[in-house]
């Protein structure tokens, strides 16, 4: 598949603005946060397996299929 024009090849994370404007500071390191995310996905495999299988689509179609934006 050919890349679309203007496709972002990477995203740099910088929390300087939220730090200076709101006084936010991280409570855990990036590495620790990433480890927590991986652990969460490992503990909740049933949740993401439904997404991969497409089973959730039938639910959304039943709930929201006839709605218009």
PDB file of N, CA and C in Angstrom:
ATOM      1  N   UNK A   1       0.851  -1.173   0.000  1.00  0.00           N
ATOM      2  CA  UNK A   1       0.000   0.000   0.000  1.00  0.00           C
ATOM      3  C   UNK A   1       0.893   1.230   0.000  1.00  0.00           C
ATOM      4  N   UNK A   2       0.643   2.115  -0.935  1.00  0.00           N
ATOM      5  CA  UNK A   2       1.438   3.333  -1.038  1.00  0.00           C
ATOM      6  C   UNK A   2       1.070   4.302   0.085  1.00  0.00           C
ATOM      7  N   UNK A   3       2.086   4.952   0.637  1.00  0.00           N
ATOM      8  CA  UNK A   3       1.872   5.923   1.699  1.00  0.00           C
ATOM      9  C   UNK A   3       1.104   7.120   1.161  1.00  0.00           C
ATOM     10  N   UNK A   4       0.247   7.698   1.993  1.00  0.00           N
ATOM     11  CA  UNK A   4      -0.505   8.881   1.569  1.00  0.00           C
ATOM     12  C   UNK A   4       0.390  10.125   1.648  1.00  0.00           C
ATOM     13  N   UNK A   5       0.133  11.136   0.835  1.00  0.00           N
ATOM     14  CA  UNK A   5       0.926  12.373   0.888  1.00  0.00           C
ATOM     15  C   UNK A   5       0.808  13.026   2.270  1.00  0.00           C
ATOM     16  N   UNK A   6       1.904  13.491   2.781  1.00  0.00           N
ATOM     17  CA  UNK A   6       1.899  14.167   4.071  1.00  0.00           C
ATOM     18  C   UNK A   6       1.815  13.236   5.268  1.00  0.00           C
ATOM     19  N   UNK A   7       1.953  11.948   5.046  1.00  0.00           N
ATOM     20  CA  UNK A   7       1.875  10.977   6.140  1.00  0.00           C
ATOM     21  C   UNK A   7       2.977  11.248   7.158  1.00  0.00           C
ATOM     22  N   UNK A   8       2.598  11.292   8.431  1.00  0.00           N
ATOM     23  CA  UNK A   8       3.580  11.494   9.496  1.00  0.00           C
ATOM     24  C   UNK A   8       4.371  10.214   9.705  1.00  0.00           C
ATOM     25  N   UNK A   9       5.657  10.307   9.624  1.00  0.00           N
ATOM     26  CA  UNK A   9       6.497   9.126   9.783  1.00  0.00           C
ATOM     27  C   UNK A   9       6.832   8.848  11.247  1.00  0.00           C
ATOM     28  N   UNK A  10       6.743   9.850  12.085  1.00  0.00           N
ATOM     29  CA  UNK A  10       7.011   9.648  13.506  1.00  0.00           C
ATOM     30  C   UNK A  10       6.371  10.778  14.293  1.00  0.00           C
ATOM     31  N   UNK A  11       6.146  10.516  15.545  1.00  0.00           N
ATOM     32  CA  UNK A  11       5.607  11.520  16.454  1.00  0.00           C
ATOM     33  C   UNK A  11       6.577  11.673  17.611  1.00  0.00           C
ATOM     34  N   UNK A  12       7.021  12.891  17.850  1.00  0.00           N
ATOM     35  CA  UNK A  12       7.907  13.157  18.975  1.00  0.00           C
ATOM     36  C   UNK A  12       7.045  13.559  20.171  1.00  0.00           C
ATOM     37  N   UNK A  13       7.299  12.945  21.303  1.00  0.00           N
ATOM     38  CA  UNK A  13       6.552  13.256  22.513  1.00  0.00           C
ATOM     39  C   UNK A  13       7.291  14.328  23.292  1.00  0.00           C
ATOM     40  N   UNK A  14       6.579  15.402  23.610  1.00  0.00           N
ATOM     41  CA  UNK A  14       7.174  16.494  24.370  1.00  0.00           C
ATOM     42  C   UNK A  14       6.108  17.055  25.304  1.00  0.00           C
ATOM     43  N   UNK A  15       6.323  16.940  26.593  1.00  0.00           N
ATOM     44  CA  UNK A  15       5.333  17.419  27.553  1.00  0.00           C
ATOM     45  C   UNK A  15       5.700  18.793  28.119  1.00  0.00           C
ATOM     46  N   UNK A  16       6.550  19.540  27.431  1.00  0.00           N
ATOM     47  CA  UNK A  16       6.986  20.847  27.929  1.00  0.00           C
ATOM     48  C   UNK A  16       5.820  21.824  28.070  1.00  0.00           C
ATOM     49  N   UNK A  17       4.911  21.854  27.104  1.00  0.00           N
ATOM     50  CA  UNK A  17       3.810  22.819  27.144  1.00  0.00           C
ATOM     51  C   UNK A  17       2.866  22.544  28.312  1.00  0.00           C
ATOM     52  N   UNK A  18       2.477  21.309  28.503  1.00  0.00           N
ATOM     53  CA  UNK A  18       1.571  20.989  29.609  1.00  0.00           C
ATOM     54  C   UNK A  18       2.271  21.194  30.956  1.00  0.00           C
ATOM     55  N   UNK A  19       3.568  21.011  30.974  1.00  0.00           N
ATOM     56  CA  UNK A  19       4.360  21.245  32.188  1.00  0.00           C
ATOM     57  C   UNK A  19       4.372  22.736  32.546  1.00  0.00           C
ATOM     58  N   UNK A  20       4.675  23.574  31.553  1.00  0.00           N
ATOM     59  CA  UNK A  20       4.805  25.006  31.829  1.00  0.00           C
ATOM     60  C   UNK A  20       3.456  25.691  32.003  1.00  0.00           C
ATOM     61  N   UNK A  21       2.457  25.314  31.210  1.00  0.00           N
ATOM     62  CA  UNK A  21       1.171  26.010  31.271  1.00  0.00           C
ATOM     63  C   UNK A  21       0.246  25.488  32.366  1.00  0.00           C
ATOM     64  N   UNK A  22       0.346  24.223  32.700  1.00  0.00           N
ATOM     65  CA  UNK A  22      -0.558  23.648  33.693  1.00  0.00           C
ATOM     66  C   UNK A  22       0.151  23.122  34.933  1.00  0.00           C
ATOM     67  N   UNK A  23       1.477  23.129  34.911  1.00  0.00           N
ATOM     68  CA  UNK A  23       2.226  22.640  36.056  1.00  0.00           C
ATOM     69  C   UNK A  23       2.196  21.127  36.216  1.00  0.00           C
ATOM     70  N   UNK A  24       1.885  20.431  35.138  1.00  0.00           N
ATOM     71  CA  UNK A  24       1.806  18.969  35.183  1.00  0.00           C
ATOM     72  C   UNK A  24       3.190  18.353  35.276  1.00  0.00           C
ATOM     73  N   UNK A  25       3.302  17.301  36.045  1.00  0.00           N
ATOM     74  CA  UNK A  25       4.532  16.517  36.078  1.00  0.00           C
ATOM     75  C   UNK A  25       4.157  15.039  36.047  1.00  0.00           C
ATOM     76  N   UNK A  26       4.931  14.239  35.343  1.00  0.00           N
ATOM     77  CA  UNK A  26       4.618  12.811  35.283  1.00  0.00           C
ATOM     78  C   UNK A  26       4.818  12.162  36.652  1.00  0.00           C
ATOM     79  N   UNK A  27       3.957  11.183  36.946  1.00  0.00           N
ATOM     80  CA  UNK A  27       4.086  10.480  38.225  1.00  0.00           C
ATOM     81  C   UNK A  27       4.876   9.186  38.079  1.00  0.00           C
ATOM     82  N   UNK A  28       5.005   8.700  36.840  1.00  0.00           N
ATOM     83  CA  UNK A  28       5.808   7.503  36.576  1.00  0.00           C
ATOM     84  C   UNK A  28       6.630   7.754  35.317  1.00  0.00           C
ATOM     85  N   UNK A  29       7.674   6.992  35.142  1.00  0.00           N
ATOM     86  CA  UNK A  29       8.519   7.155  33.957  1.00  0.00           C
ATOM     87  C   UNK A  29       7.814   6.591  32.726  1.00  0.00           C
ATOM     88  N   UNK A  30       8.278   6.991  31.568  1.00  0.00           N
ATOM     89  CA  UNK A  30       7.717   6.478  30.319  1.00  0.00           C
ATOM     90  C   UNK A  30       7.851   4.959  30.262  1.00  0.00           C
ATOM     91  N   UNK A  31       9.022   4.443  30.632  1.00  0.00           N
ATOM     92  CA  UNK A  31       9.262   2.992  30.593  1.00  0.00           C
ATOM     93  C   UNK A  31       8.301   2.250  31.521  1.00  0.00           C
ATOM     94  N   UNK A  32       8.078   2.790  32.716  1.00  0.00           N
ATOM     95  CA  UNK A  32       7.153   2.157  33.657  1.00  0.00           C
ATOM     96  C   UNK A  32       5.730   2.208  33.114  1.00  0.00           C
ATOM     97  N   UNK A  33       5.338   3.345  32.569  1.00  0.00           N
ATOM     98  CA  UNK A  33       4.004   3.467  31.991  1.00  0.00           C
ATOM     99  C   UNK A  33       3.791   2.495  30.850  1.00  0.00           C
ATOM    100  N   UNK A  34       4.783   2.356  30.003  1.00  0.00           N
ATOM    101  CA  UNK A  34       4.690   1.417  28.886  1.00  0.00           C
ATOM    102  C   UNK A  34       4.570  -0.015  29.399  1.00  0.00           C
ATOM    103  N   UNK A  35       5.321  -0.337  30.421  1.00  0.00           N
ATOM    104  CA  UNK A  35       5.238  -1.677  31.020  1.00  0.00           C
ATOM    105  C   UNK A  35       3.834  -1.920  31.580  1.00  0.00           C
ATOM    106  N   UNK A  36       3.235  -0.914  32.224  1.00  0.00           N
ATOM    107  CA  UNK A  36       1.870  -1.043  32.745  1.00  0.00           C
ATOM    108  C   UNK A  36       0.870  -1.291  31.622  1.00  0.00           C
ATOM    109  N   UNK A  37       1.035  -0.603  30.505  1.00  0.00           N
ATOM    110  CA  UNK A  37       0.136  -0.799  29.365  1.00  0.00           C
ATOM    111  C   UNK A  37       0.235  -2.233  28.845  1.00  0.00           C
ATOM    112  N   UNK A  38       1.453  -2.712  28.675  1.00  0.00           N
ATOM    113  CA  UNK A  38       1.653  -4.085  28.183  1.00  0.00           C
ATOM    114  C   UNK A  38       1.033  -5.085  29.156  1.00  0.00           C
ATOM    115  N   UNK A  39       1.247  -4.883  30.450  1.00  0.00           N
ATOM    116  CA  UNK A  39       0.667  -5.779  31.453  1.00  0.00           C
ATOM    117  C   UNK A  39      -0.856  -5.756  31.394  1.00  0.00           C
ATOM    118  N   UNK A  40      -1.453  -4.571  31.206  1.00  0.00           N
ATOM    119  CA  UNK A  40      -2.908  -4.464  31.124  1.00  0.00           C
ATOM    120  C   UNK A  40      -3.438  -5.281  29.941  1.00  0.00           C
ATOM    121  N   UNK A  41      -2.811  -5.128  28.789  1.00  0.00           N
ATOM    122  CA  UNK A  41      -3.252  -5.879  27.612  1.00  0.00           C
ATOM    123  C   UNK A  41      -3.083  -7.383  27.812  1.00  0.00           C
ATOM    124  N   UNK A  42      -2.057  -7.790  28.502  1.00  0.00           N
ATOM    125  CA  UNK A  42      -1.875  -9.221  28.783  1.00  0.00           C
ATOM    126  C   UNK A  42      -2.973  -9.751  29.699  1.00  0.00           C
ATOM    127  N   UNK A  43      -3.374  -8.960  30.692  1.00  0.00           N
ATOM    128  CA  UNK A  43      -4.424  -9.385  31.628  1.00  0.00           C
ATOM    129  C   UNK A  43      -5.821  -9.320  31.013  1.00  0.00           C
ATOM    130  N   UNK A  44      -5.998  -8.541  29.966  1.00  0.00           N
ATOM    131  CA  UNK A  44      -7.321  -8.337  29.372  1.00  0.00           C
ATOM    132  C   UNK A  44      -7.381  -8.845  27.934  1.00  0.00           C
ATOM    133  N   UNK A  45      -6.813  -9.999  27.712  1.00  0.00           N
ATOM    134  CA  UNK A  45      -6.760 -10.553  26.356  1.00  0.00           C
ATOM    135  C   UNK A  45      -8.147 -10.736  25.751  1.00  0.00           C
ATOM    136  N   UNK A  46      -9.127 -11.159  26.541  1.00  0.00           N
ATOM    137  CA  UNK A  46     -10.482 -11.367  26.006  1.00  0.00           C
ATOM    138  C   UNK A  46     -11.025 -10.078  25.391  1.00  0.00           C
ATOM    139  N   UNK A  47     -10.718  -8.936  26.008  1.00  0.00           N
ATOM    140  CA  UNK A  47     -11.212  -7.650  25.508  1.00  0.00           C
ATOM    141  C   UNK A  47     -10.649  -7.351  24.119  1.00  0.00           C
ATOM    142  N   UNK A  48      -9.322  -7.473  23.967  1.00  0.00           N
ATOM    143  CA  UNK A  48      -8.754  -7.100  22.668  1.00  0.00           C
ATOM    144  C   UNK A  48      -8.927  -8.186  21.628  1.00  0.00           C
ATOM    145  N   UNK A  49      -9.117  -9.432  22.034  1.00  0.00           N
ATOM    146  CA  UNK A  49      -9.379 -10.486  21.051  1.00  0.00           C
ATOM    147  C   UNK A  49     -10.722 -10.250  20.356  1.00  0.00           C
ATOM    148  N   UNK A  50     -11.727  -9.746  21.103  1.00  0.00           N
ATOM    149  CA  UNK A  50     -13.017  -9.423  20.483  1.00  0.00           C
ATOM    150  C   UNK A  50     -12.858  -8.331  19.433  1.00  0.00           C
ATOM    151  N   UNK A  51     -11.999  -7.371  19.707  1.00  0.00           N
ATOM    152  CA  UNK A  51     -11.771  -6.298  18.738  1.00  0.00           C
ATOM    153  C   UNK A  51     -11.105  -6.858  17.489  1.00  0.00           C
ATOM    154  N   UNK A  52     -10.101  -7.690  17.671  1.00  0.00           N
ATOM    155  CA  UNK A  52      -9.412  -8.269  16.516  1.00  0.00           C
ATOM    156  C   UNK A  52     -10.335  -9.162  15.697  1.00  0.00           C
ATOM    157  N   UNK A  53     -11.229  -9.876  16.360  1.00  0.00           N
ATOM    158  CA  UNK A  53     -12.110 -10.807  15.653  1.00  0.00           C
ATOM    159  C   UNK A  53     -13.257 -10.092  14.949  1.00  0.00           C
ATOM    160  N   UNK A  54     -13.564  -8.858  15.360  1.00  0.00           N
ATOM    161  CA  UNK A  54     -14.675  -8.126  14.754  1.00  0.00           C
ATOM    162  C   UNK A  54     -16.010  -8.380  15.428  1.00  0.00           C
ATOM    163  N   UNK A  55     -16.048  -9.166  16.522  1.00  0.00           N
ATOM    164  CA  UNK A  55     -17.302  -9.470  17.203  1.00  0.00           C
ATOM    165  C   UNK A  55     -18.027  -8.212  17.680  1.00  0.00           C
ATOM    166  N   UNK A  56     -17.295  -7.184  18.043  1.00  0.00           N
ATOM    167  CA  UNK A  56     -17.909  -5.962  18.553  1.00  0.00           C
ATOM    168  C   UNK A  56     -18.761  -5.258  17.503  1.00  0.00           C
ATOM    169  N   UNK A  57     -18.499  -5.485  16.228  1.00  0.00           N
ATOM    170  CA  UNK A  57     -19.233  -4.783  15.167  1.00  0.00           C
ATOM    171  C   UNK A  57     -20.723  -5.079  15.200  1.00  0.00           C
ATOM    172  N   UNK A  58     -21.095  -6.315  15.474  1.00  0.00           N
ATOM    173  CA  UNK A  58     -22.515  -6.673  15.551  1.00  0.00           C
ATOM    174  C   UNK A  58     -23.191  -5.887  16.667  1.00  0.00           C
ATOM    175  N   UNK A  59     -22.536  -5.748  17.801  1.00  0.00           N
ATOM    176  CA  UNK A  59     -23.083  -4.966  18.909  1.00  0.00           C
ATOM    177  C   UNK A  59     -23.293  -3.512  18.484  1.00  0.00           C
ATOM    178  N   UNK A  60     -22.293  -2.913  17.899  1.00  0.00           N
ATOM    179  CA  UNK A  60     -22.413  -1.518  17.486  1.00  0.00           C
ATOM    180  C   UNK A  60     -23.487  -1.338  16.421  1.00  0.00           C
ATOM    181  N   UNK A  61     -23.623  -2.285  15.540  1.00  0.00           N
ATOM    182  CA  UNK A  61     -24.668  -2.202  14.520  1.00  0.00           C
ATOM    183  C   UNK A  61     -26.043  -2.256  15.174  1.00  0.00           C
ATOM    184  N   UNK A  62     -26.227  -3.140  16.151  1.00  0.00           N
ATOM    185  CA  UNK A  62     -27.515  -3.226  16.857  1.00  0.00           C
ATOM    186  C   UNK A  62     -27.795  -1.948  17.633  1.00  0.00           C
ATOM    187  N   UNK A  63     -26.782  -1.418  18.302  1.00  0.00           N
ATOM    188  CA  UNK A  63     -26.971  -0.246  19.150  1.00  0.00           C
ATOM    189  C   UNK A  63     -27.093   1.062  18.369  1.00  0.00           C
ATOM    190  N   UNK A  64     -26.278   1.203  17.337  1.00  0.00           N
ATOM    191  CA  UNK A  64     -26.145   2.505  16.695  1.00  0.00           C
ATOM    192  C   UNK A  64     -26.395   2.495  15.196  1.00  0.00           C
ATOM    193  N   UNK A  65     -26.733   1.371  14.638  1.00  0.00           N
ATOM    194  CA  UNK A  65     -26.843   1.237  13.188  1.00  0.00           C
ATOM    195  C   UNK A  65     -27.828   2.173  12.522  1.00  0.00           C
ATOM    196  N   UNK A  66     -28.933   2.481  13.188  1.00  0.00           N
ATOM    197  CA  UNK A  66     -29.963   3.319  12.578  1.00  0.00           C
ATOM    198  C   UNK A  66     -29.817   4.799  12.909  1.00  0.00           C
ATOM    199  N   UNK A  67     -28.875   5.139  13.750  1.00  0.00           N
ATOM    200  CA  UNK A  67     -28.705   6.546  14.140  1.00  0.00           C
ATOM    201  C   UNK A  67     -28.016   7.333  13.044  1.00  0.00           C
ATOM    202  N   UNK A  68     -28.408   8.557  12.947  1.00  0.00           N
ATOM    203  CA  UNK A  68     -27.745   9.475  12.020  1.00  0.00           C
ATOM    204  C   UNK A  68     -27.004  10.528  12.824  1.00  0.00           C
ATOM    205  N   UNK A  69     -25.891  10.946  12.316  1.00  0.00           N
ATOM    206  CA  UNK A  69     -25.083  11.951  13.019  1.00  0.00           C
ATOM    207  C   UNK A  69     -25.723  13.308  12.944  1.00  0.00           C
TER     208      UNK A  69
END
